[in-house]
Amino acid sequence: MSEEVQSTTSPLISLLVVAGSIVTLHFSMVNTDPNEKVTYDNVIIIDQNYYTEEVKPAVDEDTSTQAQEIRRSAPVKKVNNARADSLFFAKMLSQSPTYDTPAKKTIIRYYVKDLDFGKIKALEKYGFYIHERPSPLKETYATNALYVGDSVTNHDVLLVAYTLIESGVVIKSISFSREHAGWKSHSIEIGTDTTILDAQPMTLGDLKEDWGRM
């Protein structure tokens, strides 16, 4: 055989050898046993929203109906207490009869403020007697504080504060009176504390949390 023939056939033989090797390698990797169970590794996918999802391939199922199971952490739900607060105060009001004349033991000592615009009188329908007193802060500040005697029930504190807040009075503090003798122990004083002007107003949720032990 001439050198010219050898140079033409040698590449063809090499190509056939390579192709045969590829075919052999392919069949050696294919699972030809239909009864042998195929296992897969879990695949971790990270999507564009940075959630991590674990995808498990379905096995031993009809491929026409199989689905991927995606486990994603459930979002944390914010607890909304508005309904609970509403039910709490609705129950309180149902236990608070209205009156045409003063009928409560708890006395309301009110240091009159022009900027309250008469909102304090809303307490009269629940039988509270409002004892008005002059105040040096009458023309400059609105009511923002309640001072409670140690003999006053939590129910009366809740009822007074709730009624005032619902009437538009901004309450920022409810605290016990510093004096306990005489009428003060049975009273709720409605006044102004100039040291808390920048404090956050109390919400009905705050009121329930602080004084809700009825």
Protein backbone atom coordinates (compact mmCIF):
# COMPACT_ATOMS: atom_id res chain seq x y z
CA MET A 1 0.00 0.00 0.00
CA SER A 2 1.41 3.36 -1.02
CA GLU A 3 2.05 6.21 1.42
CA GLU A 4 -0.72 8.19 -0.33
CA VAL A 5 -3.37 5.50 0.46
CA GLN A 6 -2.19 5.21 4.05
CA SER A 7 -2.54 8.97 4.62
CA THR A 8 -6.16 8.89 3.34
CA THR A 9 -7.45 5.89 5.33
CA SER A 10 -5.72 6.54 8.66
CA PRO A 11 -7.95 9.53 9.67
CA LEU A 12 -11.12 7.58 8.75
CA ILE A 13 -10.10 4.66 10.94
CA SER A 14 -9.35 7.02 13.85
CA LEU A 15 -12.76 8.68 13.50
CA LEU A 16 -14.54 5.29 13.59
CA VAL A 17 -12.65 4.30 16.71
CA VAL A 18 -13.64 7.54 18.52
CA ALA A 19 -17.30 7.17 17.50
CA GLY A 20 -17.37 3.60 18.76
CA SER A 21 -15.94 4.67 22.09
CA ILE A 22 -18.61 7.36 22.52
CA VAL A 23 -21.45 4.89 21.76
CA THR A 24 -20.04 2.38 24.23
CA LEU A 25 -19.68 5.02 26.95
CA HIS A 26 -23.29 6.21 26.39
CA PHE A 27 -24.83 2.75 26.82
CA SER A 28 -22.70 2.02 29.84
CA MET A 29 -24.21 5.09 31.61
CA VAL A 30 -27.88 4.40 30.79
CA ASN A 31 -29.95 2.46 33.34
CA THR A 32 -31.27 -0.43 31.25
CA ASP A 33 -32.93 -2.28 34.12
CA PRO A 34 -36.59 -1.09 34.32
CA ASN A 35 -36.96 -2.56 37.83
CA GLU A 36 -34.05 -0.68 39.27
CA LYS A 37 -35.17 2.38 41.25
CA VAL A 38 -33.55 5.61 40.19
CA THR A 39 -32.52 8.03 42.88
CA TYR A 40 -31.92 11.75 42.49
CA ASP A 41 -30.12 14.30 44.56
CA ASN A 42 -32.15 17.22 45.81
CA VAL A 43 -31.62 20.41 43.83
CA ILE A 44 -31.31 23.75 45.57
CA ILE A 45 -32.69 26.69 43.56
CA ILE A 46 -32.23 30.30 44.57
CA ASP A 47 -34.65 32.61 42.80
CA GLN A 48 -34.35 36.30 42.07
CA ASN A 49 -36.19 37.21 45.27
CA TYR A 50 -33.54 35.45 47.37
CA TYR A 51 -35.93 32.77 48.65
CA THR A 52 -34.26 29.36 48.98
CA GLU A 53 -36.39 26.57 47.55
CA GLU A 54 -35.76 22.85 47.86
CA VAL A 55 -37.07 20.97 44.83
CA LYS A 56 -37.58 17.22 45.18
CA PRO A 57 -38.05 15.37 41.87
CA ALA A 58 -41.15 13.19 41.88
CA VAL A 59 -40.32 9.51 41.69
CA ASP A 60 -42.54 6.50 40.76
CA GLU A 61 -45.24 8.80 39.42
CA ASP A 62 -46.73 9.35 35.99
CA THR A 63 -44.54 12.00 34.39
CA SER A 64 -47.60 13.60 32.82
CA THR A 65 -49.00 14.55 36.24
CA GLN A 66 -45.95 14.77 38.45
CA ALA A 67 -45.26 18.04 40.23
CA GLN A 68 -42.32 19.52 42.03
CA GLU A 69 -42.70 20.03 45.74
CA ILE A 70 -41.47 23.44 46.82
CA ARG A 71 -41.03 24.21 50.49
CA ARG A 72 -40.85 27.88 51.34
CA SER A 73 -40.87 29.49 54.73
CA ALA A 74 -44.31 30.93 55.50
CA PRO A 75 -44.33 34.71 56.04
CA VAL A 76 -44.70 35.89 59.62
CA LYS A 77 -48.16 37.34 60.20
CA LYS A 78 -48.48 40.47 62.25
CA VAL A 79 -50.96 40.08 65.05
CA ASN A 80 -53.72 42.63 64.79
CA ASN A 81 -55.14 43.39 68.23
CA ALA A 82 -57.68 45.98 67.07
CA ARG A 83 -60.56 43.51 67.14
CA ALA A 84 -59.58 42.18 70.57
CA ASP A 85 -59.40 45.73 71.94
CA SER A 86 -62.78 46.56 70.42
CA LEU A 87 -64.40 43.51 72.01
CA PHE A 88 -62.79 44.29 75.36
CA PHE A 89 -64.15 47.84 75.52
CA ALA A 90 -67.52 46.76 74.16
CA LYS A 91 -67.81 44.39 77.13
CA MET A 92 -66.75 47.18 79.49
CA LEU A 93 -69.42 49.53 78.13
CA SER A 94 -72.05 46.81 78.45
CA GLN A 95 -71.27 46.75 82.17
CA SER A 96 -71.48 50.54 82.47
CA PRO A 97 -75.07 51.78 82.77
CA THR A 98 -75.86 55.39 81.96
CA TYR A 99 -77.49 57.81 84.39
CA ASP A 100 -79.33 61.12 84.29
CA THR A 101 -77.82 62.24 87.62
CA PRO A 102 -74.52 61.56 89.42
CA ALA A 103 -74.51 58.05 90.83
CA LYS A 104 -70.85 57.06 91.07
CA LYS A 105 -68.74 56.98 94.19
CA THR A 106 -65.74 58.00 92.15
CA ILE A 107 -65.43 61.80 92.04
CA ILE A 108 -64.05 63.54 88.96
CA ARG A 109 -61.88 66.54 89.91
CA TYR A 110 -61.41 68.49 86.69
CA TYR A 111 -58.95 71.36 86.36
CA VAL A 112 -60.70 73.32 83.64
CA LYS A 113 -58.92 73.98 80.34
CA ASP A 114 -60.28 76.10 77.52
CA LEU A 115 -58.57 73.88 74.95
CA ASP A 116 -60.63 70.86 76.05
CA PHE A 117 -63.71 72.46 74.48
CA GLY A 118 -66.15 70.86 76.90
CA LYS A 119 -65.17 67.26 76.03
CA ILE A 120 -64.90 66.25 79.70
CA LYS A 121 -68.66 66.54 80.12
CA ALA A 122 -69.03 63.28 78.18
CA LEU A 123 -68.38 61.54 81.53
CA GLU A 124 -71.65 62.75 83.03
CA LYS A 125 -73.75 60.19 81.16
CA TYR A 126 -72.04 57.40 83.11
CA GLY A 127 -73.04 58.89 86.45
CA PHE A 128 -69.81 60.71 87.30
CA TYR A 129 -69.98 63.95 89.25
CA ILE A 130 -67.54 66.46 87.72
CA HIS A 131 -66.10 68.83 90.31
CA GLU A 132 -64.58 71.70 88.32
CA ARG A 133 -61.64 73.65 89.69
CA PRO A 134 -59.73 76.63 88.23
CA SER A 135 -56.23 76.09 86.83
CA PRO A 136 -53.33 78.46 86.13
CA LEU A 137 -52.87 76.54 82.88
CA LYS A 138 -56.47 77.15 81.82
CA GLU A 139 -55.71 79.21 78.70
CA THR A 140 -52.42 77.66 77.57
CA TYR A 141 -52.67 73.87 77.72
CA ALA A 142 -55.14 71.07 77.15
CA THR A 143 -55.70 68.09 79.45
CA ASN A 144 -53.15 65.29 79.05
CA ALA A 145 -53.03 63.39 82.37
CA LEU A 146 -55.17 61.47 84.85
CA TYR A 147 -54.33 61.00 88.53
CA VAL A 148 -56.07 58.06 90.19
CA GLY A 149 -56.89 57.51 93.87
CA ASP A 150 -56.00 54.13 95.34
CA SER A 151 -59.65 53.25 96.09
CA VAL A 152 -60.83 53.79 92.51
CA THR A 153 -61.71 50.61 90.62
CA ASN A 154 -59.93 49.67 87.42
CA HIS A 155 -63.32 49.66 85.72
CA ASP A 156 -63.83 53.35 86.49
CA VAL A 157 -60.31 54.19 85.31
CA LEU A 158 -60.96 52.35 82.05
CA LEU A 159 -64.36 53.96 81.60
CA VAL A 160 -63.11 57.51 82.23
CA ALA A 161 -59.99 57.17 80.07
CA TYR A 162 -61.84 55.39 77.26
CA THR A 163 -64.61 58.01 77.19
CA LEU A 164 -62.11 60.88 77.11
CA ILE A 165 -59.95 59.30 74.39
CA GLU A 166 -63.02 58.57 72.27
CA SER A 167 -64.14 62.17 72.78
CA GLY A 168 -60.84 63.45 71.39
CA VAL A 169 -58.91 64.21 74.58
CA VAL A 170 -55.24 63.31 74.17
CA ILE A 171 -54.22 61.35 77.28
CA LYS A 172 -50.49 60.78 77.69
CA SER A 173 -50.27 59.53 81.26
CA ILE A 174 -52.37 57.77 83.90
CA SER A 175 -50.74 57.49 87.31
CA PHE A 176 -51.70 57.12 90.97
CA SER A 177 -52.20 60.26 93.05
CA ARG A 178 -49.35 61.20 95.35
CA GLU A 179 -51.80 61.87 98.21
CA HIS A 180 -54.28 59.29 99.50
CA ALA A 181 -56.17 60.95 102.34
CA GLY A 182 -59.80 62.09 102.26
CA TRP A 183 -61.58 62.55 98.95
CA LYS A 184 -58.44 61.95 96.86
CA SER A 185 -58.52 58.20 97.44
CA HIS A 186 -61.97 58.05 95.72
CA SER A 187 -61.24 60.46 92.89
CA ILE A 188 -59.82 60.71 89.40
CA GLU A 189 -58.18 64.08 88.80
CA ILE A 190 -58.13 65.32 85.22
CA GLY A 191 -55.31 67.76 84.65
CA THR A 192 -52.15 68.66 82.75
CA ASP A 193 -48.56 67.53 83.22
CA THR A 194 -46.24 69.94 81.42
CA THR A 195 -43.27 67.55 81.70
CA ILE A 196 -44.82 65.07 79.24
CA LEU A 197 -45.88 67.41 76.45
CA ASP A 198 -43.67 65.56 73.97
CA ALA A 199 -44.75 62.06 75.05
CA GLN A 200 -46.74 59.79 72.75
CA PRO A 201 -50.52 59.73 73.29
CA MET A 202 -51.96 56.64 74.93
CA THR A 203 -53.88 54.33 72.63
CA LEU A 204 -56.81 52.12 73.59
CA GLY A 205 -54.38 49.21 73.35
CA ASP A 206 -52.10 50.90 75.91
CA LEU A 207 -55.08 51.56 78.16
CA LYS A 208 -56.21 47.94 78.02
CA GLU A 209 -52.70 46.65 78.72
CA ASP A 210 -52.10 48.96 81.71
CA TRP A 211 -55.54 48.94 83.35
CA GLY A 212 -57.38 45.97 81.85
CA ARG A 213 -57.52 43.83 84.99
CA MET A 214 -61.25 44.28 85.51
